[in-house]
Amino acid sequence: MKLKNTSLFIFGEAFVKTRREMWSSLWVLLILTTIASIVMWSAEVWGGGESSYSLADALEWSFLKYIGDPTEVAPHAPTTHLGVIMGNVIGIIGILILAILTGLLASGFTAVYEEKQREEELQAFGTRLARAFRPTPARRVNDYLREKGLQETYSIAPLMQSVATLQTDYHMDMKDIMDAAEKFPEYRLANMASIQTPAEHPQDRIVLLHNPINRPYGCCIDRKSKVTIVVPSAQSELATEWFGYQVALFGGFNFISKSIKYDNDTPHSYFNMTDIHPEEAATKEEKHFLSLEQSNQTAFYHDLKALSSGDGHWNIYLLHVVTNSSKGGNHTHFNSSMAGGKNATIQDEAAYTALKQALVAVLDDYSFQCTTDDSERFPLMEKNVAYRLQKDGIHPNSFALRVGAHIMATHTFRDVIAYRFAEQIARLTK
């Protein structure tokens, strides 16, 4: 049996968990006993008791009374009526405090034991979730490959599992799902309503997403490719990480994503790398979160620099755009400069133009309206990560690719679109 599961270890954890309450109770015992001892001593002195009876004697007798004075070293018990009464009060105080201490320790033991049981349950739920997100044959992608006469096959993990499915098929209630998502960083709850516009009157639908995790900030995979798929805002964009991961998998590209967030109130994106100042936090908790975010942003940027080095490298920043799918409009936006075309982040304009046309052509096959013009709607900001790389002497071909959220999250052929995107990127970035 592991040490942390032994009764002695659990008892120790229970003591640690309740140490503040027990310490407070002991202070109360000390103060009340001291007050009662002073009253008892006063009663003995002024009530005709033994003249040599000192305050130290009263205190000694009072505190030794709690352990029964086994060696009989304490002075005699009080003799006056008020002294006897205060002596009994001291005894009652000891009984009450002892009961409180025992109760605190017992409740701590129970709490620790329940936490251990819950920990075991969550480990079991983690195993169930791993089964729910196990890779299965990518049927539509494999059909597409067979149509092209290729024998290669792929298996991919599902983008999401609905809460209803986890409840019915994997016997987890909502609290189990929420606790498991909090314990295991590779899982994240999301609302499908976030990929629709208010005009579509979206209905809330809670789903569980699976995120590849191998870094404190999210995921980094170095395949020694000259193309890196960067997902800088996965923590707040429902399907970009899954879609970007598949594009990188199919194309053999590098992949890096930011999917871990510590504070729901301030979900930082690494697309625009703002300076983070933990020392300006208003609370200790906020300072802790900001310190973690600052450390993770530094680690993310360090890894991205390593992936982006080399001549002719391409960084494709994948983000989503929420559009009303029922009313048409542009479903893809390309951005490689500030407003007005200033400070472009593309070195190979010919390849970039061809790549835009190829990706738009893929979406056109599925009746999505797109354009190859760099949109003024999402110009790059001065603090964009691509400009920070340039300041450090790293100049990859960089552009932001914003794809309709509903395409990446709900379209029947989203995995095929990801494969075809990978095809075109690999072909045109050689």
Foldseek 3Di string as FASTA:
>chain_A
DDPCPDLVNLLVQLCVVCVVVLVVLVVVLVVLLLVLLVQLQVCQCVVPHDPVCDSVLSSVCLVCVLVPVVVPPHDDQRDDPSNVVSSVVSVVSSVVSVVVNVVSSVVSSVVSVVVVVVVVVLVVVVVLVCVQFPWDWPVVQCVVCVVVVHPDTDTGTDFWAFQVCCCPVVVAHPVSVVVSCVVDVQKDKDWPQVQADVVVVDDTTIIIGGFQADDLQGDWFALVDLEEEEAQQCQHARQQRVLSVLLCVLQVHIYDYGRDADDPVDRDGLQQPDDQDLVPDPDPVSSVRSVSVNVVSVVRLVSVLVRQDDPLGEYEHEAADRDHVVVADAFKAKEAAAAPRPPGLADDVVLLLQLLVQLQVLVVVVVHDHDSDHDNVDYRDCRGSSNVSVVVVGRYGYMYMYGRSCLRRPDPCSSVSSNSNSVSCSVSSD
